[in-house]
């Protein structure tokens, strides 16, 4: 299936609970210029923040393949440039669903599936 890259532009969100009852949250800002900012946080079962990071880079969508190239990271307010020779900074995913509410995709190598929901910034018109 072929998807329009414009469908992916915007803000997306996901939250999952792991076996230790930690909540893993991702907020993704995908920009039309091909850049992205992904904010990740982990909270323990009591709601305390235990880890937080921000990744920036480039993204693309070709047919049903979504890819990301990490270029920088912020951990505890420290900026780090990533090693562009490290293959772990390049990821490709098969898009399973992409519409105005859901972005479901599967990592090409690990087969892990992610489901993000679009963040709506205008609930009503006043």
C-alpha atoms as a PDB file:
ATOM      1  CA  UNK A   1       0.000   0.000   0.000  1.00  0.00           C
ATOM      2  CA  UNK A   2       1.149   3.533  -0.696  1.00  0.00           C
ATOM      3  CA  UNK A   3       0.695   6.322   1.873  1.00  0.00           C
ATOM      4  CA  UNK A   4       0.879  10.089   1.443  1.00  0.00           C
ATOM      5  CA  UNK A   5       3.760  11.462   3.557  1.00  0.00           C
ATOM      6  CA  UNK A   6       1.602  14.484   4.483  1.00  0.00           C
ATOM      7  CA  UNK A   7      -0.588  12.084   6.513  1.00  0.00           C
ATOM      8  CA  UNK A   8       2.299  11.602   8.941  1.00  0.00           C
ATOM      9  CA  UNK A   9       2.961  15.298   9.590  1.00  0.00           C
ATOM     10  CA  UNK A  10       1.771  16.413  13.017  1.00  0.00           C
ATOM     11  CA  UNK A  11       1.875  15.384  16.657  1.00  0.00           C
ATOM     12  CA  UNK A  12       1.546  11.756  17.795  1.00  0.00           C
ATOM     13  CA  UNK A  13       1.440  10.035  21.182  1.00  0.00           C
ATOM     14  CA  UNK A  14       1.748   6.559  22.662  1.00  0.00           C
ATOM     15  CA  UNK A  15       1.950   5.125  26.159  1.00  0.00           C
ATOM     16  CA  UNK A  16       2.659   1.527  27.207  1.00  0.00           C
ATOM     17  CA  UNK A  17       3.080  -0.269  30.539  1.00  0.00           C
ATOM     18  CA  UNK A  18       5.884  -2.835  30.868  1.00  0.00           C
ATOM     19  CA  UNK A  19       6.088  -5.946  33.055  1.00  0.00           C
ATOM     20  CA  UNK A  20       7.493  -3.894  35.975  1.00  0.00           C
ATOM     21  CA  UNK A  21       4.448  -1.569  35.717  1.00  0.00           C
ATOM     22  CA  UNK A  22       6.619   1.287  34.432  1.00  0.00           C
ATOM     23  CA  UNK A  23       4.843   3.610  32.012  1.00  0.00           C
ATOM     24  CA  UNK A  24       6.759   4.340  28.794  1.00  0.00           C
ATOM     25  CA  UNK A  25       5.506   7.415  26.943  1.00  0.00           C
ATOM     26  CA  UNK A  26       6.469   8.829  23.564  1.00  0.00           C
ATOM     27  CA  UNK A  27       5.426  12.167  22.129  1.00  0.00           C
ATOM     28  CA  UNK A  28       6.398  12.527  18.457  1.00  0.00           C
ATOM     29  CA  UNK A  29       6.444  15.798  16.539  1.00  0.00           C
ATOM     30  CA  UNK A  30       6.796  15.024  12.816  1.00  0.00           C
ATOM     31  CA  UNK A  31       7.431  18.113  10.687  1.00  0.00           C
ATOM     32  CA  UNK A  32       6.743  18.672   6.983  1.00  0.00           C
ATOM     33  CA  UNK A  33      10.388  19.638   6.353  1.00  0.00           C
ATOM     34  CA  UNK A  34      11.457  16.031   7.067  1.00  0.00           C
ATOM     35  CA  UNK A  35      12.662  16.601  10.636  1.00  0.00           C
ATOM     36  CA  UNK A  36      11.319  15.081  13.826  1.00  0.00           C
ATOM     37  CA  UNK A  37      11.525  15.377  17.593  1.00  0.00           C
ATOM     38  CA  UNK A  38      10.658  12.341  19.718  1.00  0.00           C
ATOM     39  CA  UNK A  39      10.312  12.825  23.483  1.00  0.00           C
ATOM     40  CA  UNK A  40      10.534   9.676  25.605  1.00  0.00           C
ATOM     41  CA  UNK A  41       9.831   9.303  29.303  1.00  0.00           C
ATOM     42  CA  UNK A  42       9.585   6.428  31.762  1.00  0.00           C
ATOM     43  CA  UNK A  43       7.657   6.659  35.027  1.00  0.00           C
ATOM     44  CA  UNK A  44       7.735   3.990  37.738  1.00  0.00           C
ATOM     45  CA  UNK A  45       4.575   2.372  39.135  1.00  0.00           C
ATOM     46  CA  UNK A  46       4.255   5.232  41.650  1.00  0.00           C
ATOM     47  CA  UNK A  47       4.370   7.870  38.899  1.00  0.00           C
ATOM     48  CA  UNK A  48       7.918   9.087  39.573  1.00  0.00           C
ATOM     49  CA  UNK A  49       9.917  10.098  36.494  1.00  0.00           C
ATOM     50  CA  UNK A  50      12.900   7.753  36.199  1.00  0.00           C
ATOM     51  CA  UNK A  51      14.123   8.461  32.672  1.00  0.00           C
ATOM     52  CA  UNK A  52      13.618  11.165  30.064  1.00  0.00           C
ATOM     53  CA  UNK A  53      15.225  11.868  26.697  1.00  0.00           C
ATOM     54  CA  UNK A  54      14.580  13.710  23.443  1.00  0.00           C
ATOM     55  CA  UNK A  55      15.762  12.484  20.050  1.00  0.00           C
ATOM     56  CA  UNK A  56      15.930  14.684  16.945  1.00  0.00           C
ATOM     57  CA  UNK A  57      16.582  13.692  13.370  1.00  0.00           C
ATOM     58  CA  UNK A  58      15.157  13.214   9.905  1.00  0.00           C
ATOM     59  CA  UNK A  59      12.300  11.044   8.710  1.00  0.00           C
ATOM     60  CA  UNK A  60      10.739   9.903   5.464  1.00  0.00           C
ATOM     61  CA  UNK A  61       7.880   7.883   4.073  1.00  0.00           C
ATOM     62  CA  UNK A  62       8.153   6.040   0.767  1.00  0.00           C
ATOM     63  CA  UNK A  63       5.225   3.822  -0.192  1.00  0.00           C
ATOM     64  CA  UNK A  64       4.596   1.852   2.994  1.00  0.00           C
ATOM     65  CA  UNK A  65       8.123   2.247   4.413  1.00  0.00           C
ATOM     66  CA  UNK A  66       8.706   4.825   7.158  1.00  0.00           C
ATOM     67  CA  UNK A  67      12.304   5.542   8.154  1.00  0.00           C
ATOM     68  CA  UNK A  68      14.120   7.633  10.739  1.00  0.00           C
ATOM     69  CA  UNK A  69      17.694   8.866  11.009  1.00  0.00           C
ATOM     70  CA  UNK A  70      18.657   9.986  14.520  1.00  0.00           C
ATOM     71  CA  UNK A  71      20.996  12.982  14.513  1.00  0.00           C
ATOM     72  CA  UNK A  72      20.960  14.233  18.098  1.00  0.00           C
ATOM     73  CA  UNK A  73      19.797  13.462  21.578  1.00  0.00           C
ATOM     74  CA  UNK A  74      19.102  15.408  24.747  1.00  0.00           C
ATOM     75  CA  UNK A  75      19.456  13.553  28.033  1.00  0.00           C
ATOM     76  CA  UNK A  76      18.961  15.464  31.288  1.00  0.00           C
ATOM     77  CA  UNK A  77      19.325  18.779  29.398  1.00  0.00           C
ATOM     78  CA  UNK A  78      22.682  17.751  27.879  1.00  0.00           C
ATOM     79  CA  UNK A  79      22.892  17.782  24.061  1.00  0.00           C
ATOM     80  CA  UNK A  80      24.660  14.929  22.287  1.00  0.00           C
ATOM     81  CA  UNK A  81      25.404  14.510  18.596  1.00  0.00           C
ATOM     82  CA  UNK A  82      24.883  10.905  17.555  1.00  0.00           C
ATOM     83  CA  UNK A  83      27.448   8.864  15.644  1.00  0.00           C
ATOM     84  CA  UNK A  84      26.081   8.748  12.097  1.00  0.00           C
ATOM     85  CA  UNK A  85      28.312   5.730  11.388  1.00  0.00           C
ATOM     86  CA  UNK A  86      26.424   3.726  14.043  1.00  0.00           C
ATOM     87  CA  UNK A  87      23.762   1.602  12.304  1.00  0.00           C
ATOM     88  CA  UNK A  88      21.573   1.770  15.449  1.00  0.00           C
ATOM     89  CA  UNK A  89      20.736   5.382  14.509  1.00  0.00           C
ATOM     90  CA  UNK A  90      18.911   4.261  11.358  1.00  0.00           C
ATOM     91  CA  UNK A  91      15.517   2.557  11.516  1.00  0.00           C
ATOM     92  CA  UNK A  92      13.000   1.374   8.930  1.00  0.00           C
ATOM     93  CA  UNK A  93       9.395   0.380   9.561  1.00  0.00           C
ATOM     94  CA  UNK A  94       6.541  -1.066   7.533  1.00  0.00           C
ATOM     95  CA  UNK A  95       3.409   1.074   7.885  1.00  0.00           C
ATOM     96  CA  UNK A  96       0.447  -1.099   8.839  1.00  0.00           C
ATOM     97  CA  UNK A  97      -2.124   1.685   9.341  1.00  0.00           C
ATOM     98  CA  UNK A  98      -1.922   5.424   8.759  1.00  0.00           C
ATOM     99  CA  UNK A  99      -4.987   7.612   8.885  1.00  0.00           C
ATOM    100  CA  UNK A 100      -6.076  10.826  10.598  1.00  0.00           C
ATOM    101  CA  UNK A 101      -6.121   9.129  14.039  1.00  0.00           C
ATOM    102  CA  UNK A 102      -3.812   6.067  14.091  1.00  0.00           C
ATOM    103  CA  UNK A 103      -0.235   5.407  12.986  1.00  0.00           C
ATOM    104  CA  UNK A 104       0.597   1.720  13.380  1.00  0.00           C
ATOM    105  CA  UNK A 105       3.960   0.502  12.158  1.00  0.00           C
ATOM    106  CA  UNK A 106       6.318  -2.472  12.509  1.00  0.00           C
ATOM    107  CA  UNK A 107      10.107  -2.388  12.779  1.00  0.00           C
ATOM    108  CA  UNK A 108      11.630  -4.142   9.753  1.00  0.00           C
ATOM    109  CA  UNK A 109      14.340  -5.939  11.794  1.00  0.00           C
ATOM    110  CA  UNK A 110      12.843  -6.565  15.271  1.00  0.00           C
ATOM    111  CA  UNK A 111       9.181  -6.969  14.151  1.00  0.00           C
ATOM    112  CA  UNK A 112       8.149  -4.817  17.156  1.00  0.00           C
ATOM    113  CA  UNK A 113       4.831  -3.056  16.510  1.00  0.00           C
ATOM    114  CA  UNK A 114       4.132   0.504  17.654  1.00  0.00           C
ATOM    115  CA  UNK A 115       0.776   2.287  17.711  1.00  0.00           C
ATOM    116  CA  UNK A 116       0.655   6.069  17.966  1.00  0.00           C
ATOM    117  CA  UNK A 117      -2.454   8.210  18.172  1.00  0.00           C
ATOM    118  CA  UNK A 118      -2.709  11.663  16.679  1.00  0.00           C
ATOM    119  CA  UNK A 119      -2.701  14.529  19.155  1.00  0.00           C
ATOM    120  CA  UNK A 120      -5.604  16.851  18.416  1.00  0.00           C
ATOM    121  CA  UNK A 121      -4.765  20.442  19.267  1.00  0.00           C
ATOM    122  CA  UNK A 122      -8.142  21.957  18.309  1.00  0.00           C
ATOM    123  CA  UNK A 123     -10.992  20.242  20.114  1.00  0.00           C
ATOM    124  CA  UNK A 124     -13.667  22.801  19.204  1.00  0.00           C
ATOM    125  CA  UNK A 125     -13.993  26.084  17.404  1.00  0.00           C
ATOM    126  CA  UNK A 126     -14.990  29.094  19.475  1.00  0.00           C
END
